[in-house]
Amino acid sequence: MACWKVVGGADKGGILVRQGQALASPATDERLATDSVVEELQLAGDRLNYQLVKGTGPQTGWVSIRISGKDLLVKTDLPSAPKDVEVAAILSTEDAAMSSPAPLKPSQSAELEASSGEGVVESVDDPASGNGVSSAAPCAAPESEDSRPGCEAQVTELGNVEFADEEDDAAEAPSAPEPETPPAEVPLPAAEQSAETRVGSQVEIRGLKSKPELNGRRAVVALYDEAAGRFEVKLEGPMADDRVRCKPENLLLVIARQSTKKLEGDANFKEGRLDQAVACYTQALQEDAKGDVELAATIHSNLAATYAKKQDHVKALEEANHAIKLRPDWAKGHSRRGLSLLSLGREAEAQASYIQAVKGDPVTESYLAGLGQAT
């Protein structure tokens, strides 16, 4: 059998490994480290069932050898000397190959997996995590936009928060390294900052005249220049390496808000109680999300994921459209819509939705995988 070397995932600690061939199958807790060498047990299209020969990560599993034309693994020779005995043992193992599940369908995309991400069903905000909610929760739901299940962002005066796991855990976009702090711009001690905004706070840029194209963008406060009275913020999303200096009045603090019913929905979604998840999300929408655009959009996104899991792609599309109406630039919402359209056989429209998702977040591999399916 051929051997492969892992060349992708250096910025994420390795590449995602799944227990089965399908992109919707459960992911393993550990990633397959970059530079690891694996033996090919089975190759199905771009999906490789492997046995670990050299390096760190799960001993066996399924990985994608490429995503959207980008190689994650390349063929290589067997590792030398120190591993000869180990390799021989591996090559003699005939029953290591995993069974091949049914071909992936659009509706089985990892986007339907409950994992912590941007919003709700992607934990359904993140139903997968179900933090703080009993598994016996009476309702059911998907994931939240905040990395903490059930937390949605609410904007208040003075001055971000996906489900996404398609092929790769989409919520794991690489973050830009923190530059060294310039002598004149040291982080302001917490005691000296305003009660609302401080280093590490998540904010939304508003009313910026010098760069109006940044208005509405999310960012994290990185530094405070006490002498100039300016905050330096690091942009999130496709311009994550960019920083901009803003006056306090140009920043709106984003405050996380919890919804118990949403958390119950997340827990039910994770356990496969989809009807209960719908009930909980609907209740959360009616009782907790009034006047809160962030929370409402996330719950609609989770409902879209739940209906998609139920194979009701018409309702899933309706919920995705609601999420996009509330947050037009939210990549997750466009991704949800793309999945529903793809499942309904409307490839051209699905492609347009995935293009919008990739424009908003070009580093999430699940969006790239969806675009590849729709193209």
Protein backbone atom coordinates (compact mmCIF):
# COMPACT_ATOMS: atom_id res chain seq x y z
CA MET A 1 0.00 0.00 0.00
CA ALA A 2 1.08 3.59 -0.58
CA CYS A 3 2.14 5.94 2.16
CA TRP A 4 1.14 9.57 2.56
CA LYS A 5 2.69 12.52 4.36
CA VAL A 6 0.59 15.21 6.06
CA VAL A 7 1.48 18.63 4.61
CA GLY A 8 -1.59 20.63 5.67
CA GLY A 9 -2.91 21.89 8.97
CA ALA A 10 0.32 23.46 10.20
CA ASP A 11 -1.62 26.46 11.47
CA LYS A 12 -4.17 24.29 13.27
CA GLY A 13 -2.01 21.65 14.93
CA GLY A 14 -2.73 19.10 12.22
CA ILE A 15 -5.67 18.00 10.06
CA LEU A 16 -9.11 16.82 11.12
CA VAL A 17 -9.70 13.07 11.42
CA ARG A 18 -13.15 11.49 11.28
CA GLN A 19 -14.28 8.05 12.40
CA GLY A 20 -15.98 7.24 9.09
CA GLN A 21 -15.70 8.07 5.42
CA ALA A 22 -18.66 10.48 5.46
CA LEU A 23 -17.92 14.14 6.17
CA ALA A 24 -20.79 14.08 8.65
CA SER A 25 -19.27 11.26 10.73
CA PRO A 26 -17.93 12.13 14.22
CA ALA A 27 -14.53 13.79 14.43
CA THR A 28 -11.84 12.38 16.71
CA ASP A 29 -10.62 14.39 19.70
CA GLU A 30 -7.06 14.51 18.36
CA ARG A 31 -5.83 15.85 15.01
CA LEU A 32 -3.32 14.12 12.73
CA ALA A 33 -0.12 16.16 13.14
CA THR A 34 1.57 17.88 10.22
CA ASP A 35 4.59 15.89 8.87
CA SER A 36 3.08 12.60 10.11
CA VAL A 37 3.32 9.62 7.72
CA VAL A 38 0.39 7.24 7.27
CA GLU A 39 -0.27 4.05 5.35
CA GLU A 40 -3.15 4.02 2.89
CA LEU A 41 -5.77 1.42 3.84
CA GLN A 42 -8.47 2.64 1.48
CA LEU A 43 -8.82 5.60 -0.90
CA ALA A 44 -12.34 6.73 -1.85
CA GLY A 45 -12.13 9.83 -4.02
CA ASP A 46 -10.47 12.49 -1.86
CA ARG A 47 -11.14 10.54 1.36
CA LEU A 48 -8.31 8.42 2.77
CA ASN A 49 -8.64 5.67 5.37
CA TYR A 50 -5.22 5.42 7.00
CA GLN A 51 -3.06 3.69 9.62
CA LEU A 52 -0.50 5.86 11.42
CA VAL A 53 3.11 4.97 10.64
CA LYS A 54 5.05 7.93 11.96
CA GLY A 55 4.10 11.04 13.89
CA THR A 56 1.29 11.82 16.31
CA GLY A 57 -2.48 11.61 16.09
CA PRO A 58 -5.20 8.94 15.95
CA GLN A 59 -3.83 5.52 14.98
CA THR A 60 -6.49 5.13 12.31
CA GLY A 61 -9.35 7.09 10.77
CA TRP A 62 -10.51 8.99 7.68
CA VAL A 63 -9.05 12.25 6.38
CA SER A 64 -9.40 14.39 3.25
CA ILE A 65 -6.27 14.41 1.07
CA ARG A 66 -7.24 17.79 -0.39
CA ILE A 67 -9.86 20.50 -0.01
CA SER A 68 -10.75 22.90 -2.82
CA GLY A 69 -7.54 22.05 -4.66
CA LYS A 70 -5.33 22.49 -1.58
CA ASP A 71 -3.30 19.36 -0.72
CA LEU A 72 -3.52 18.18 2.89
CA LEU A 73 -1.56 14.95 2.25
CA VAL A 74 0.88 13.93 -0.49
CA LYS A 75 2.28 10.52 -1.40
CA THR A 76 5.67 9.71 0.07
CA ASP A 77 8.11 6.86 0.64
CA LEU A 78 7.98 4.75 3.77
CA PRO A 79 9.91 6.21 6.74
CA SER A 80 13.37 4.78 7.24
CA ALA A 81 15.36 2.76 9.73
CA PRO A 82 14.01 3.38 13.24
CA LYS A 83 10.49 2.68 12.01
CA ASP A 84 11.22 -0.34 9.80
CA VAL A 85 9.98 -2.88 12.34
CA GLU A 86 6.95 -0.81 13.20
CA VAL A 87 6.12 -0.29 9.54
CA ALA A 88 6.39 -3.99 8.82
CA ALA A 89 3.95 -4.71 11.62
CA ILE A 90 1.52 -2.16 10.27
CA LEU A 91 1.78 -3.45 6.72
CA SER A 92 0.99 -6.96 7.93
CA THR A 93 -2.22 -5.89 9.61
CA GLU A 94 -5.03 -6.86 7.28
CA ASP A 95 -8.04 -6.06 9.42
CA ALA A 96 -7.16 -2.48 10.24
CA ALA A 97 -9.21 -0.92 7.47
CA MET A 98 -12.47 0.66 8.56
CA SER A 99 -15.74 -0.16 6.81
CA SER A 100 -16.78 2.27 4.13
CA PRO A 101 -20.05 4.07 4.90
CA ALA A 102 -22.58 5.25 2.34
CA PRO A 103 -21.53 8.08 -0.01
CA LEU A 104 -21.84 11.56 1.48
CA LYS A 105 -25.03 13.45 0.72
CA PRO A 106 -25.23 17.23 0.94
CA SER A 107 -27.60 16.94 3.90
CA GLN A 108 -25.03 14.89 5.76
CA SER A 109 -22.46 17.64 5.54
CA ALA A 110 -20.53 18.34 8.67
CA GLU A 111 -22.39 21.55 8.78
CA LEU A 112 -25.09 19.50 10.51
CA GLU A 113 -22.77 18.35 13.26
CA ALA A 114 -23.22 19.99 16.60
CA SER A 115 -19.97 21.69 17.48
CA SER A 116 -18.98 24.90 19.12
CA GLY A 117 -18.72 27.61 16.61
CA GLU A 118 -20.06 30.86 15.66
CA GLY A 119 -23.52 30.56 16.91
CA VAL A 120 -26.06 28.09 17.87
CA VAL A 121 -26.34 25.04 15.80
CA GLU A 122 -23.03 24.94 15.12
CA SER A 123 -23.10 23.91 18.57
CA VAL A 124 -26.50 24.18 16.55
CA ASP A 125 -24.84 27.51 18.18
CA ASP A 126 -23.21 24.78 19.60
CA PRO A 127 -25.52 22.05 20.57
CA ALA A 128 -22.66 19.68 20.43
CA SER A 129 -21.20 21.09 23.54
CA GLY A 130 -24.42 21.46 25.48
CA ASN A 131 -22.58 23.26 28.26
CA GLY A 132 -24.49 23.62 31.46
CA VAL A 133 -27.57 21.79 30.19
CA SER A 134 -28.83 18.39 31.33
CA SER A 135 -28.99 15.72 28.66
CA ALA A 136 -32.59 15.20 29.72
CA ALA A 137 -33.59 18.67 28.58
CA PRO A 138 -37.26 18.73 27.48
CA CYS A 139 -36.69 20.78 24.34
CA ALA A 140 -34.27 20.49 21.42
CA ALA A 141 -31.84 22.64 19.32
CA PRO A 142 -28.63 23.38 17.21
CA GLU A 143 -25.55 25.71 17.92
CA SER A 144 -24.57 29.34 18.84
CA GLU A 145 -22.47 31.98 17.28
CA ASP A 146 -20.52 32.63 20.40
CA SER A 147 -17.84 30.06 21.13
CA ARG A 148 -19.83 29.29 24.27
CA PRO A 149 -23.05 27.41 23.55
CA GLY A 150 -26.12 29.51 24.18
CA CYS A 151 -24.31 32.80 24.22
CA GLU A 152 -25.30 35.43 21.73
CA ALA A 153 -23.96 38.87 21.27
CA GLN A 154 -25.82 41.99 22.28
CA VAL A 155 -24.51 45.43 21.40
CA THR A 156 -24.64 48.13 24.07
CA GLU A 157 -23.54 51.77 24.19
CA LEU A 158 -19.90 52.77 24.42
CA GLY A 159 -17.69 51.41 22.96
CA ASN A 160 -18.72 39.03 17.97
CA VAL A 161 -19.84 35.93 18.39
CA GLU A 162 -21.04 29.78 14.19
CA PHE A 163 -22.15 24.73 13.41
CA ALA A 164 -19.94 24.50 11.08
CA ASP A 165 -18.01 21.58 10.91
CA GLU A 166 -18.22 20.42 7.44
CA GLU A 167 -15.13 18.71 6.20
CA ASP A 168 -12.84 20.35 8.68
CA ASP A 169 -13.94 21.85 11.93
CA ALA A 170 -14.87 25.10 10.49
CA ALA A 171 -14.81 26.92 13.67
CA GLU A 172 -11.11 26.59 13.93
CA ALA A 173 -9.88 29.44 11.79
CA PRO A 174 -6.21 30.24 12.44
CA SER A 175 -5.67 33.35 14.48
CA ALA A 176 -3.00 35.89 13.65
CA PRO A 177 -0.02 35.89 16.06
CA GLU A 178 0.03 38.74 18.51
CA PRO A 179 2.72 41.28 17.63
CA GLU A 180 5.00 42.53 20.34
CA THR A 181 3.58 45.44 22.28
CA PRO A 182 5.17 48.75 21.22
CA PRO A 183 6.64 50.67 24.17
CA ALA A 184 4.18 53.53 23.68
CA GLU A 185 1.16 51.23 23.46
CA VAL A 186 1.08 48.94 26.45
CA PRO A 187 -2.17 47.28 27.47
CA LEU A 188 -4.00 49.48 29.96
CA PRO A 189 -4.35 47.79 33.38
CA ALA A 190 -7.91 46.63 33.98
CA ALA A 191 -8.37 48.95 36.95
CA GLU A 192 -7.61 51.99 34.80
CA GLN A 193 -9.87 51.11 31.89
CA SER A 194 -13.53 51.97 31.58
CA ALA A 195 -15.93 49.44 33.05
CA GLU A 196 -17.19 48.64 29.57
CA THR A 197 -14.26 48.37 27.18
CA ARG A 198 -10.82 46.92 27.88
CA VAL A 199 -8.10 44.85 26.29
CA GLY A 200 -9.62 41.55 25.18
CA SER A 201 -13.15 42.96 24.79
CA GLN A 202 -15.09 42.13 21.65
CA VAL A 203 -16.38 45.24 19.91
CA GLU A 204 -18.14 46.42 16.76
CA ILE A 205 -16.78 49.38 14.79
CA ARG A 206 -19.30 52.20 14.28
CA GLY A 207 -19.20 55.68 12.78
CA LEU A 208 -15.61 55.47 11.52
CA LYS A 209 -15.15 58.20 8.89
CA SER A 210 -11.56 57.50 7.85
CA LYS A 211 -12.37 53.87 6.87
CA PRO A 212 -16.15 53.64 6.50
CA GLU A 213 -15.85 50.19 4.93
CA LEU A 214 -14.95 48.86 8.39
CA ASN A 215 -18.16 50.06 10.02
CA GLY A 216 -20.15 47.08 11.24
CA ARG A 217 -17.06 44.85 11.42
CA ARG A 218 -16.25 42.90 14.58
CA ALA A 219 -12.89 43.19 16.31
CA VAL A 220 -11.08 42.43 19.55
CA VAL A 221 -9.34 45.14 21.57
CA ALA A 222 -5.59 44.41 21.47
CA LEU A 223 -3.98 47.54 22.93
CA TYR A 224 -4.80 50.83 24.57
CA ASP A 225 -2.71 53.93 23.87
CA GLU A 226 -3.24 55.94 27.01
CA ALA A 227 -1.44 59.04 25.71
CA ALA A 228 -3.54 59.22 22.55
CA GLY A 229 -6.73 57.94 24.12
CA ARG A 230 -7.13 55.35 21.36
CA PHE A 231 -7.89 51.65 21.29
CA GLU A 232 -6.11 49.41 18.80
CA VAL A 233 -8.40 46.62 17.67
CA LYS A 234 -7.70 43.46 15.68
CA LEU A 235 -10.31 42.74 13.04
CA GLU A 236 -12.05 39.38 12.91
CA GLY A 237 -12.87 37.33 9.81
CA PRO A 238 -11.21 37.70 6.40
CA MET A 239 -9.09 40.68 7.52
CA ALA A 240 -7.98 39.03 10.74
CA ASP A 241 -4.40 40.25 10.35
CA ASP A 242 -5.45 43.89 10.09
CA ARG A 243 -5.48 46.33 12.98
CA VAL A 244 -7.02 49.75 13.26
CA ARG A 245 -6.90 52.51 15.88
CA CYS A 246 -10.25 53.88 17.03
CA LYS A 247 -11.60 56.44 19.44
CA PRO A 248 -13.72 54.97 22.25
CA GLU A 249 -16.86 56.50 20.71
CA ASN A 250 -16.27 54.47 17.51
CA LEU A 251 -16.51 51.17 19.35
CA LEU A 252 -19.62 49.39 20.57
CA LEU A 253 -19.05 46.72 23.17
CA VAL A 254 -20.53 43.31 22.33
CA ILE A 255 -21.95 41.63 25.40
CA ALA A 256 -22.74 37.91 25.47
CA ARG A 257 -26.31 37.01 26.42
CA GLN A 258 -27.51 33.60 27.55
CA SER A 259 -30.76 31.82 26.76
CA THR A 260 -31.63 28.79 28.86
CA LYS A 261 -34.02 27.45 26.24
CA LYS A 262 -31.38 27.78 23.57
CA LEU A 263 -28.95 25.79 25.71
CA GLU A 264 -31.61 23.13 26.18
CA GLY A 265 -32.12 23.10 22.45
CA ASP A 266 -28.39 22.66 21.91
CA ALA A 267 -28.33 19.69 24.29
CA ASN A 268 -31.29 18.05 22.59
CA PHE A 269 -29.78 18.60 19.16
CA LYS A 270 -26.60 16.92 20.33
CA GLU A 271 -28.55 13.90 21.57
CA GLY A 272 -30.57 13.63 18.37
CA ARG A 273 -33.88 14.76 19.89
CA LEU A 274 -34.64 16.99 16.93
CA ASP A 275 -38.34 17.66 17.56
CA GLN A 276 -37.52 18.78 21.09
CA ALA A 277 -34.70 20.89 19.73
CA VAL A 278 -37.12 22.69 17.42
CA ALA A 279 -39.49 23.29 20.33
CA CYS A 280 -36.77 24.73 22.54
CA TYR A 281 -35.33 26.95 19.82
CA THR A 282 -38.77 28.23 18.94
CA GLN A 283 -39.46 29.05 22.58
CA ALA A 284 -36.09 30.76 22.93
CA LEU A 285 -36.87 32.82 19.84
CA GLN A 286 -40.19 33.95 21.27
CA GLU A 287 -39.10 34.56 24.86
CA ASP A 288 -35.41 35.49 24.84
CA ALA A 289 -34.53 36.91 21.43
CA LYS A 290 -36.92 39.85 21.18
CA GLY A 291 -34.92 42.96 20.37
CA ASP A 292 -31.67 40.97 20.19
CA VAL A 293 -30.61 40.63 16.55
CA GLU A 294 -27.54 38.51 17.35
CA LEU A 295 -29.43 35.95 19.41
CA ALA A 296 -32.35 35.80 16.99
CA ALA A 297 -30.06 35.22 14.00
CA THR A 298 -28.20 32.48 15.83
CA ILE A 299 -31.40 30.69 16.83
CA HIS A 300 -32.72 30.86 13.26
CA SER A 301 -29.39 29.40 12.13
CA ASN A 302 -29.75 26.58 14.66
CA LEU A 303 -33.28 25.91 13.51
CA ALA A 304 -32.00 25.71 9.93
CA ALA A 305 -29.45 23.11 11.00
CA THR A 306 -32.07 21.14 12.93
CA TYR A 307 -34.53 21.04 10.03
CA ALA A 308 -31.71 20.06 7.68
CA LYS A 309 -30.89 17.19 10.02
CA LYS A 310 -34.55 16.18 9.80
CA GLN A 311 -34.27 16.27 5.98
CA ASP A 312 -36.83 19.09 5.87
CA HIS A 313 -34.78 21.36 3.61
CA VAL A 314 -37.69 23.65 2.72
CA LYS A 315 -38.07 24.74 6.34
CA ALA A 316 -34.29 24.78 6.75
CA LEU A 317 -34.08 27.23 3.86
CA GLU A 318 -36.76 29.45 5.43
CA GLU A 319 -34.83 29.62 8.70
CA ALA A 320 -31.55 30.32 6.92
CA ASN A 321 -33.21 33.19 5.06
CA HIS A 322 -34.43 34.62 8.38
CA ALA A 323 -30.88 34.49 9.75
CA ILE A 324 -29.48 36.26 6.68
CA LYS A 325 -32.15 38.95 6.86
CA LEU A 326 -31.06 39.74 10.41
CA ARG A 327 -27.33 39.48 9.69
CA PRO A 328 -26.73 40.01 5.94
CA ASP A 329 -22.95 39.64 6.15
CA TRP A 330 -22.89 36.57 8.42
CA ALA A 331 -20.97 33.81 6.65
CA LYS A 332 -22.63 31.10 8.70
CA GLY A 333 -26.10 32.15 7.57
CA HIS A 334 -25.09 32.01 3.91
CA SER A 335 -23.48 28.62 4.50
CA ARG A 336 -26.72 27.30 6.02
CA ARG A 337 -28.66 28.61 3.03
CA GLY A 338 -26.17 27.03 0.62
CA LEU A 339 -26.56 23.63 2.28
CA SER A 340 -30.36 23.78 2.05
CA LEU A 341 -30.31 24.85 -1.60
CA LEU A 342 -27.80 22.16 -2.47
CA SER A 343 -30.00 19.54 -0.80
CA LEU A 344 -32.98 20.80 -2.82
CA GLY A 345 -31.05 20.39 -6.07
CA ARG A 346 -30.69 24.12 -6.68
CA GLU A 347 -26.95 24.03 -7.34
CA ALA A 348 -26.58 27.45 -8.98
CA GLU A 349 -28.24 29.23 -6.06
CA ALA A 350 -26.29 27.11 -3.59
CA GLN A 351 -23.05 28.10 -5.30
CA ALA A 352 -23.96 31.79 -4.96
CA SER A 353 -24.68 31.34 -1.24
CA TYR A 354 -21.43 29.51 -0.60
CA ILE A 355 -19.54 32.22 -2.48
CA GLN A 356 -21.01 34.76 -0.05
CA ALA A 357 -19.99 32.55 2.88
CA VAL A 358 -16.41 32.25 1.61
CA LYS A 359 -16.21 36.00 1.01
CA GLY A 360 -17.20 36.60 4.61
CA ASP A 361 -14.95 33.88 6.02
CA PRO A 362 -12.36 32.53 3.56
CA VAL A 363 -10.56 30.37 6.13
CA THR A 364 -13.38 28.04 7.21
CA GLU A 365 -12.81 24.81 5.30
CA SER A 366 -16.44 23.69 5.58
CA TYR A 367 -17.52 26.67 3.47
CA LEU A 368 -14.87 25.87 0.88
CA ALA A 369 -15.99 22.24 0.84
CA GLY A 370 -19.61 23.31 0.35
CA LEU A 371 -18.61 25.58 -2.51
CA GLY A 372 -16.76 22.69 -4.10
CA GLN A 373 -19.87 20.50 -3.86
CA ALA A 374 -22.08 23.17 -5.39
CA THR A 375 -19.71 23.95 -8.26
